[in-house]
Amino acid sequence: MASTRKRSRSASSLLRSANRDRPSVADTEALASPPPLIAMAHIGPPKRNEGVILDANGFGRDRMIKILAGIRDGDALPPIDVEKADPGQRPYRLRGGFHRFYDSFDLGFSHIPADIVERLD
């Protein structure tokens, strides 16, 4: 009986050590490379979608405040989406993340995390 108990402890010990060397899901997500930082000056002015309800300054005030609070609190915000622009323009055109872009611009950031996405047109 004692040898069985000892054997099962050894097996569970081996299993624990094997799992210890295997990265967890959180570890593998952390290993994913972060999006590139793109200079704010390389991103052209955005095109606004028609029909979006905005305040007098052209923004959703509540959304701007929520994003600013997230930046202040050090929350990880998703990257903006940019697409490659036409020759003769700035290298990138903003496609998604207008509030994050303008909040970052207003705060004086020189670069912003961005995912480069395929053009729609």
C-alpha atoms as a PDB file:
ATOM      1  CA  MET A   1       0.000   0.000   0.000  1.00  0.00           C
ATOM      2  CA  ALA A   2       2.807   2.385   0.901  1.00  0.00           C
ATOM      3  CA  SER A   3       4.508   1.760  -2.451  1.00  0.00           C
ATOM      4  CA  THR A   4       1.264   2.547  -4.316  1.00  0.00           C
ATOM      5  CA  ARG A   5       0.903   5.791  -2.426  1.00  0.00           C
ATOM      6  CA  LYS A   6       4.527   6.635  -3.146  1.00  0.00           C
ATOM      7  CA  ARG A   7       4.094   5.786  -6.823  1.00  0.00           C
ATOM      8  CA  SER A   8       1.020   8.024  -7.201  1.00  0.00           C
ATOM      9  CA  ARG A   9       2.865  10.884  -5.500  1.00  0.00           C
ATOM     10  CA  SER A  10       5.717  10.418  -7.945  1.00  0.00           C
ATOM     11  CA  ALA A  11       3.330  10.421 -10.906  1.00  0.00           C
ATOM     12  CA  SER A  12       1.588  13.580  -9.723  1.00  0.00           C
ATOM     13  CA  SER A  13       4.964  15.141  -9.015  1.00  0.00           C
ATOM     14  CA  LEU A  14       6.061  14.384 -12.596  1.00  0.00           C
ATOM     15  CA  LEU A  15       2.807  15.768 -13.948  1.00  0.00           C
ATOM     16  CA  ARG A  16       3.223  18.991 -11.956  1.00  0.00           C
ATOM     17  CA  SER A  17       6.775  19.457 -13.182  1.00  0.00           C
ATOM     18  CA  ALA A  18       5.717  18.784 -16.805  1.00  0.00           C
ATOM     19  CA  ASN A  19       2.915  21.354 -16.515  1.00  0.00           C
ATOM     20  CA  ARG A  20       5.276  23.837 -14.871  1.00  0.00           C
ATOM     21  CA  ASP A  21       7.420  23.874 -18.034  1.00  0.00           C
ATOM     22  CA  ARG A  22       4.401  24.346 -20.320  1.00  0.00           C
ATOM     23  CA  PRO A  23       3.351  28.003 -20.795  1.00  0.00           C
ATOM     24  CA  SER A  24      -0.132  28.885 -19.615  1.00  0.00           C
ATOM     25  CA  VAL A  25      -2.715  30.520 -21.872  1.00  0.00           C
ATOM     26  CA  ALA A  26      -1.927  33.866 -20.235  1.00  0.00           C
ATOM     27  CA  ASP A  27       1.786  33.326 -20.945  1.00  0.00           C
ATOM     28  CA  THR A  28       1.189  32.576 -24.629  1.00  0.00           C
ATOM     29  CA  GLU A  29      -1.014  35.662 -24.985  1.00  0.00           C
ATOM     30  CA  ALA A  30       1.738  37.745 -23.399  1.00  0.00           C
ATOM     31  CA  LEU A  31       4.210  36.370 -25.949  1.00  0.00           C
ATOM     32  CA  ALA A  32       2.188  37.760 -28.869  1.00  0.00           C
ATOM     33  CA  SER A  33       4.007  40.710 -30.328  1.00  0.00           C
ATOM     34  CA  PRO A  34       2.510  44.118 -29.568  1.00  0.00           C
ATOM     35  CA  PRO A  35       1.238  46.235 -32.453  1.00  0.00           C
ATOM     36  CA  PRO A  36       3.758  48.616 -34.009  1.00  0.00           C
ATOM     37  CA  LEU A  37       3.992  52.195 -32.806  1.00  0.00           C
ATOM     38  CA  ILE A  38       3.271  54.600 -35.639  1.00  0.00           C
ATOM     39  CA  ALA A  39       4.136  58.287 -35.563  1.00  0.00           C
ATOM     40  CA  MET A  40       1.003  60.420 -35.190  1.00  0.00           C
ATOM     41  CA  ALA A  41       2.388  62.699 -37.921  1.00  0.00           C
ATOM     42  CA  HIS A  42       2.306  59.763 -40.377  1.00  0.00           C
ATOM     43  CA  ILE A  43      -1.448  59.272 -40.014  1.00  0.00           C
ATOM     44  CA  GLY A  44      -3.672  61.326 -42.319  1.00  0.00           C
ATOM     45  CA  PRO A  45      -6.908  63.007 -41.263  1.00  0.00           C
ATOM     46  CA  PRO A  46      -9.771  60.559 -40.809  1.00  0.00           C
ATOM     47  CA  LYS A  47     -12.905  60.216 -42.866  1.00  0.00           C
ATOM     48  CA  ARG A  48     -16.012  60.473 -40.691  1.00  0.00           C
ATOM     49  CA  ASN A  49     -18.919  58.110 -41.183  1.00  0.00           C
ATOM     50  CA  GLU A  50     -22.186  59.819 -41.998  1.00  0.00           C
ATOM     51  CA  GLY A  51     -25.018  59.374 -39.539  1.00  0.00           C
ATOM     52  CA  VAL A  52     -22.843  59.082 -36.423  1.00  0.00           C
ATOM     53  CA  ILE A  53     -24.248  61.265 -33.644  1.00  0.00           C
ATOM     54  CA  LEU A  54     -21.522  63.575 -32.355  1.00  0.00           C
ATOM     55  CA  ASP A  55     -21.323  66.598 -30.078  1.00  0.00           C
ATOM     56  CA  ALA A  56     -20.633  70.165 -31.258  1.00  0.00           C
ATOM     57  CA  ASN A  57     -16.885  69.451 -31.378  1.00  0.00           C
ATOM     58  CA  GLY A  58     -17.350  66.403 -33.587  1.00  0.00           C
ATOM     59  CA  PHE A  59     -16.965  63.741 -30.892  1.00  0.00           C
ATOM     60  CA  GLY A  60     -18.951  61.582 -28.547  1.00  0.00           C
ATOM     61  CA  ARG A  61     -18.084  63.346 -25.255  1.00  0.00           C
ATOM     62  CA  ASP A  62     -18.778  60.320 -23.029  1.00  0.00           C
ATOM     63  CA  ARG A  63     -16.551  58.149 -25.191  1.00  0.00           C
ATOM     64  CA  MET A  64     -13.718  60.711 -25.067  1.00  0.00           C
ATOM     65  CA  ILE A  65     -13.905  60.927 -21.269  1.00  0.00           C
ATOM     66  CA  LYS A  66     -13.916  57.143 -20.907  1.00  0.00           C
ATOM     67  CA  ILE A  67     -10.801  56.820 -23.071  1.00  0.00           C
ATOM     68  CA  LEU A  68      -9.006  59.668 -21.287  1.00  0.00           C
ATOM     69  CA  ALA A  69      -9.753  57.999 -17.940  1.00  0.00           C
ATOM     70  CA  GLY A  70      -8.348  54.735 -19.288  1.00  0.00           C
ATOM     71  CA  ILE A  71      -5.145  56.454 -20.416  1.00  0.00           C
ATOM     72  CA  ARG A  72      -4.850  58.201 -17.048  1.00  0.00           C
ATOM     73  CA  ASP A  73      -5.363  54.929 -15.170  1.00  0.00           C
ATOM     74  CA  GLY A  74      -2.838  53.044 -17.314  1.00  0.00           C
ATOM     75  CA  ASP A  75      -5.430  50.711 -18.856  1.00  0.00           C
ATOM     76  CA  ALA A  76      -4.395  48.807 -21.965  1.00  0.00           C
ATOM     77  CA  LEU A  77      -6.386  50.297 -24.816  1.00  0.00           C
ATOM     78  CA  PRO A  78      -6.786  48.491 -28.125  1.00  0.00           C
ATOM     79  CA  PRO A  79      -4.635  49.780 -30.988  1.00  0.00           C
ATOM     80  CA  ILE A  80      -6.152  52.032 -33.622  1.00  0.00           C
ATOM     81  CA  ASP A  81      -6.656  50.717 -37.163  1.00  0.00           C
ATOM     82  CA  VAL A  82      -4.795  52.373 -40.021  1.00  0.00           C
ATOM     83  CA  GLU A  83      -4.536  51.537 -43.689  1.00  0.00           C
ATOM     84  CA  LYS A  84      -1.822  52.450 -46.159  1.00  0.00           C
ATOM     85  CA  ALA A  85      -2.634  55.722 -47.896  1.00  0.00           C
ATOM     86  CA  ASP A  86      -2.268  56.711 -51.537  1.00  0.00           C
ATOM     87  CA  PRO A  87       1.105  57.962 -52.796  1.00  0.00           C
ATOM     88  CA  GLY A  88       1.624  61.663 -52.146  1.00  0.00           C
ATOM     89  CA  GLN A  89      -0.263  61.540 -48.833  1.00  0.00           C
ATOM     90  CA  ARG A  90       0.864  60.690 -45.337  1.00  0.00           C
ATOM     91  CA  PRO A  91       1.868  57.018 -45.198  1.00  0.00           C
ATOM     92  CA  TYR A  92      -1.257  55.919 -43.266  1.00  0.00           C
ATOM     93  CA  ARG A  93      -4.925  56.832 -43.057  1.00  0.00           C
ATOM     94  CA  LEU A  94      -6.945  56.354 -39.864  1.00  0.00           C
ATOM     95  CA  ARG A  95      -9.719  53.825 -40.251  1.00  0.00           C
ATOM     96  CA  GLY A  96     -10.776  52.968 -36.696  1.00  0.00           C
ATOM     97  CA  GLY A  97     -10.135  54.418 -33.268  1.00  0.00           C
ATOM     98  CA  PHE A  98     -10.929  58.072 -33.927  1.00  0.00           C
ATOM     99  CA  HIS A  99     -11.435  58.892 -30.237  1.00  0.00           C
ATOM    100  CA  ARG A 100      -8.234  57.111 -29.187  1.00  0.00           C
ATOM    101  CA  PHE A 101      -6.346  58.914 -31.959  1.00  0.00           C
ATOM    102  CA  TYR A 102      -7.594  62.382 -31.014  1.00  0.00           C
ATOM    103  CA  ASP A 103      -7.204  61.787 -27.277  1.00  0.00           C
ATOM    104  CA  SER A 104      -3.604  60.709 -27.860  1.00  0.00           C
ATOM    105  CA  PHE A 105      -3.028  63.721 -30.123  1.00  0.00           C
ATOM    106  CA  ASP A 106      -4.492  66.124 -27.556  1.00  0.00           C
ATOM    107  CA  LEU A 107      -2.276  64.619 -24.852  1.00  0.00           C
ATOM    108  CA  GLY A 108       0.797  65.281 -27.000  1.00  0.00           C
ATOM    109  CA  PHE A 109       1.737  61.676 -27.771  1.00  0.00           C
ATOM    110  CA  SER A 110       4.136  61.405 -30.705  1.00  0.00           C
ATOM    111  CA  HIS A 111       3.345  57.733 -31.459  1.00  0.00           C
ATOM    112  CA  ILE A 112       0.353  55.432 -31.075  1.00  0.00           C
ATOM    113  CA  PRO A 113      -0.074  51.628 -31.229  1.00  0.00           C
ATOM    114  CA  ALA A 114      -1.747  50.747 -34.523  1.00  0.00           C
ATOM    115  CA  ASP A 115      -2.801  47.689 -36.465  1.00  0.00           C
ATOM    116  CA  ILE A 116      -2.213  48.084 -40.193  1.00  0.00           C
ATOM    117  CA  VAL A 117      -5.323  46.718 -41.901  1.00  0.00           C
ATOM    118  CA  GLU A 118      -6.183  46.109 -45.553  1.00  0.00           C
ATOM    119  CA  ARG A 119      -7.741  48.941 -47.503  1.00  0.00           C
ATOM    120  CA  LEU A 120     -11.457  48.844 -48.181  1.00  0.00           C
ATOM    121  CA  ASP A 121     -11.413  50.757 -51.473  1.00  0.00           C
END
